[in-house]
Amino acid sequence: MNPITSAGNTSVDAGASANLDIVDKFCYLDDSLSVDGDIDAAVQDTIRIGWNTFRQLVPLLINKFESFIMRGRLYSSCVRNSMLHVNDTWPLRKENEVAL
């Protein structure tokens, strides 16, 4: 029996007096992973990170004294990079791609 998918279990005995809790989602190396292999939580985290980065840069992005080229480069190097940094190895579905 697979202890991760078995109903009613909340922990697994890993031996050497180590008891591990069973969870549906967890964070590993700044990436949200789920038991079923779904990346929806990671996509939502990435969208949140992109919006937070955008909000921090709004004063520079709407500054009329900066050129459009400079603002475009700033957006590309900071906002877009922060959203695309971790998803190089994700198996994206169409709805995840549209969300990003």
C-alpha atoms as a PDB file:
ATOM      1  CA  MET A   1       0.000   0.000   0.000  1.00  0.00           C
ATOM      2  CA  ASN A   2       1.297   3.450  -0.921  1.00  0.00           C
ATOM      3  CA  PRO A   3       1.424   5.503   2.321  1.00  0.00           C
ATOM      4  CA  ILE A   4       1.014   8.806   0.485  1.00  0.00           C
ATOM      5  CA  THR A   5      -2.289   7.942  -1.139  1.00  0.00           C
ATOM      6  CA  SER A   6      -3.715   5.756   1.627  1.00  0.00           C
ATOM      7  CA  ALA A   7      -6.765   7.255   3.297  1.00  0.00           C
ATOM      8  CA  GLY A   8      -6.682   8.028   7.001  1.00  0.00           C
ATOM      9  CA  ASN A   9      -2.907   8.109   7.455  1.00  0.00           C
ATOM     10  CA  THR A  10      -1.390  11.370   8.638  1.00  0.00           C
ATOM     11  CA  SER A  11       2.213  10.261   9.076  1.00  0.00           C
ATOM     12  CA  VAL A  12       4.714   7.656   7.907  1.00  0.00           C
ATOM     13  CA  ASP A  13       7.362   5.905   9.994  1.00  0.00           C
ATOM     14  CA  ALA A  14      10.673   6.461   8.170  1.00  0.00           C
ATOM     15  CA  GLY A  15      12.714   4.393  10.614  1.00  0.00           C
ATOM     16  CA  ALA A  16      15.508   5.533  12.925  1.00  0.00           C
ATOM     17  CA  SER A  17      12.882   7.228  15.119  1.00  0.00           C
ATOM     18  CA  ALA A  18      11.858   9.609  12.309  1.00  0.00           C
ATOM     19  CA  ASN A  19       8.163  10.217  11.754  1.00  0.00           C
ATOM     20  CA  LEU A  20       7.179  12.136   8.602  1.00  0.00           C
ATOM     21  CA  ASP A  21       3.854  13.918   8.160  1.00  0.00           C
ATOM     22  CA  ILE A  22       1.818  13.339   4.996  1.00  0.00           C
ATOM     23  CA  VAL A  23       0.841  16.619   3.315  1.00  0.00           C
ATOM     24  CA  ASP A  24      -0.918  17.526   0.077  1.00  0.00           C
ATOM     25  CA  LYS A  25       1.399  20.417  -0.844  1.00  0.00           C
ATOM     26  CA  PHE A  26       4.867  21.479   0.209  1.00  0.00           C
ATOM     27  CA  CYS A  27       7.571  23.955  -0.743  1.00  0.00           C
ATOM     28  CA  TYR A  28      10.928  22.629  -1.971  1.00  0.00           C
ATOM     29  CA  LEU A  29      13.653  24.938  -3.303  1.00  0.00           C
ATOM     30  CA  ASP A  30      11.167  27.831  -3.626  1.00  0.00           C
ATOM     31  CA  ASP A  31       8.783  25.720  -5.699  1.00  0.00           C
ATOM     32  CA  SER A  32       5.336  24.545  -4.594  1.00  0.00           C
ATOM     33  CA  LEU A  33       4.897  20.825  -5.185  1.00  0.00           C
ATOM     34  CA  SER A  34       1.776  18.727  -4.754  1.00  0.00           C
ATOM     35  CA  VAL A  35       1.191  15.024  -4.279  1.00  0.00           C
ATOM     36  CA  ASP A  36      -0.612  14.577  -7.595  1.00  0.00           C
ATOM     37  CA  GLY A  37       2.181  16.296  -9.553  1.00  0.00           C
ATOM     38  CA  ASP A  38       0.014  19.292 -10.391  1.00  0.00           C
ATOM     39  CA  ILE A  39       1.758  22.643 -10.822  1.00  0.00           C
ATOM     40  CA  ASP A  40      -1.243  24.921 -10.258  1.00  0.00           C
ATOM     41  CA  ALA A  41       0.061  26.106  -6.870  1.00  0.00           C
ATOM     42  CA  ALA A  42       3.481  26.854  -8.376  1.00  0.00           C
ATOM     43  CA  VAL A  43       1.881  28.798 -11.236  1.00  0.00           C
ATOM     44  CA  GLN A  44      -0.152  30.863  -8.764  1.00  0.00           C
ATOM     45  CA  ASP A  45       2.998  31.574  -6.715  1.00  0.00           C
ATOM     46  CA  THR A  46       4.832  32.655  -9.860  1.00  0.00           C
ATOM     47  CA  ILE A  47       2.005  35.004 -10.856  1.00  0.00           C
ATOM     48  CA  ARG A  48       2.028  36.485  -7.343  1.00  0.00           C
ATOM     49  CA  ILE A  49       5.817  37.016  -7.524  1.00  0.00           C
ATOM     50  CA  GLY A  50       5.486  38.712 -10.919  1.00  0.00           C
ATOM     51  CA  TRP A  51       2.791  41.097  -9.676  1.00  0.00           C
ATOM     52  CA  ASN A  52       4.799  41.927  -6.544  1.00  0.00           C
ATOM     53  CA  THR A  53       7.855  42.715  -8.667  1.00  0.00           C
ATOM     54  CA  PHE A  54       5.729  44.837 -10.996  1.00  0.00           C
ATOM     55  CA  ARG A  55       4.247  46.786  -8.062  1.00  0.00           C
ATOM     56  CA  GLN A  56       7.732  47.519  -6.732  1.00  0.00           C
ATOM     57  CA  LEU A  57       8.809  48.898 -10.133  1.00  0.00           C
ATOM     58  CA  VAL A  58       5.666  50.927 -10.944  1.00  0.00           C
ATOM     59  CA  PRO A  59       7.297  54.285 -10.050  1.00  0.00           C
ATOM     60  CA  LEU A  60      10.062  53.619 -12.581  1.00  0.00           C
ATOM     61  CA  LEU A  61       7.802  52.081 -15.220  1.00  0.00           C
ATOM     62  CA  ILE A  62       5.417  55.063 -15.303  1.00  0.00           C
ATOM     63  CA  ASN A  63       8.114  57.719 -15.066  1.00  0.00           C
ATOM     64  CA  LYS A  64       7.587  59.934 -18.123  1.00  0.00           C
ATOM     65  CA  PHE A  65      11.193  61.133 -18.012  1.00  0.00           C
ATOM     66  CA  GLU A  66      12.522  57.646 -18.785  1.00  0.00           C
ATOM     67  CA  SER A  67      12.531  56.408 -22.373  1.00  0.00           C
ATOM     68  CA  PHE A  68      10.217  53.635 -23.543  1.00  0.00           C
ATOM     69  CA  ILE A  69      13.245  51.517 -24.380  1.00  0.00           C
ATOM     70  CA  MET A  70      14.607  51.853 -20.852  1.00  0.00           C
ATOM     71  CA  ARG A  71      11.222  51.000 -19.324  1.00  0.00           C
ATOM     72  CA  GLY A  72      10.838  47.998 -21.641  1.00  0.00           C
ATOM     73  CA  ARG A  73      14.276  46.693 -20.716  1.00  0.00           C
ATOM     74  CA  LEU A  74      13.506  47.173 -17.026  1.00  0.00           C
ATOM     75  CA  TYR A  75      10.253  45.226 -17.383  1.00  0.00           C
ATOM     76  CA  SER A  76      11.921  42.442 -19.388  1.00  0.00           C
ATOM     77  CA  SER A  77      14.865  42.044 -17.059  1.00  0.00           C
ATOM     78  CA  CYS A  78      12.975  42.251 -13.750  1.00  0.00           C
ATOM     79  CA  VAL A  79       9.275  41.423 -14.020  1.00  0.00           C
ATOM     80  CA  ARG A  80       9.341  38.894 -16.848  1.00  0.00           C
ATOM     81  CA  ASN A  81      12.522  37.260 -15.516  1.00  0.00           C
ATOM     82  CA  SER A  82      11.015  36.814 -12.054  1.00  0.00           C
ATOM     83  CA  MET A  83       8.002  35.034 -13.555  1.00  0.00           C
ATOM     84  CA  LEU A  84       9.919  32.809 -15.951  1.00  0.00           C
ATOM     85  CA  HIS A  85      12.839  31.942 -13.664  1.00  0.00           C
ATOM     86  CA  VAL A  86      11.593  28.687 -12.122  1.00  0.00           C
ATOM     87  CA  ASN A  87       9.229  27.288 -14.718  1.00  0.00           C
ATOM     88  CA  ASP A  88      11.813  26.055 -17.220  1.00  0.00           C
ATOM     89  CA  THR A  89      11.257  22.426 -16.229  1.00  0.00           C
ATOM     90  CA  TRP A  90       7.507  22.488 -15.562  1.00  0.00           C
ATOM     91  CA  PRO A  91       5.243  20.339 -17.724  1.00  0.00           C
ATOM     92  CA  LEU A  92       2.871  23.196 -18.636  1.00  0.00           C
ATOM     93  CA  ARG A  93      -0.710  22.541 -19.639  1.00  0.00           C
ATOM     94  CA  LYS A  94      -2.600  24.973 -21.835  1.00  0.00           C
ATOM     95  CA  GLU A  95      -4.494  26.557 -18.894  1.00  0.00           C
ATOM     96  CA  ASN A  96      -1.208  27.063 -16.982  1.00  0.00           C
ATOM     97  CA  GLU A  97       0.356  28.715 -20.016  1.00  0.00           C
ATOM     98  CA  VAL A  98      -2.635  31.057 -20.400  1.00  0.00           C
ATOM     99  CA  ALA A  99      -2.492  31.940 -16.674  1.00  0.00           C
ATOM    100  CA  LEU A 100       1.158  32.912 -16.959  1.00  0.00           C
END
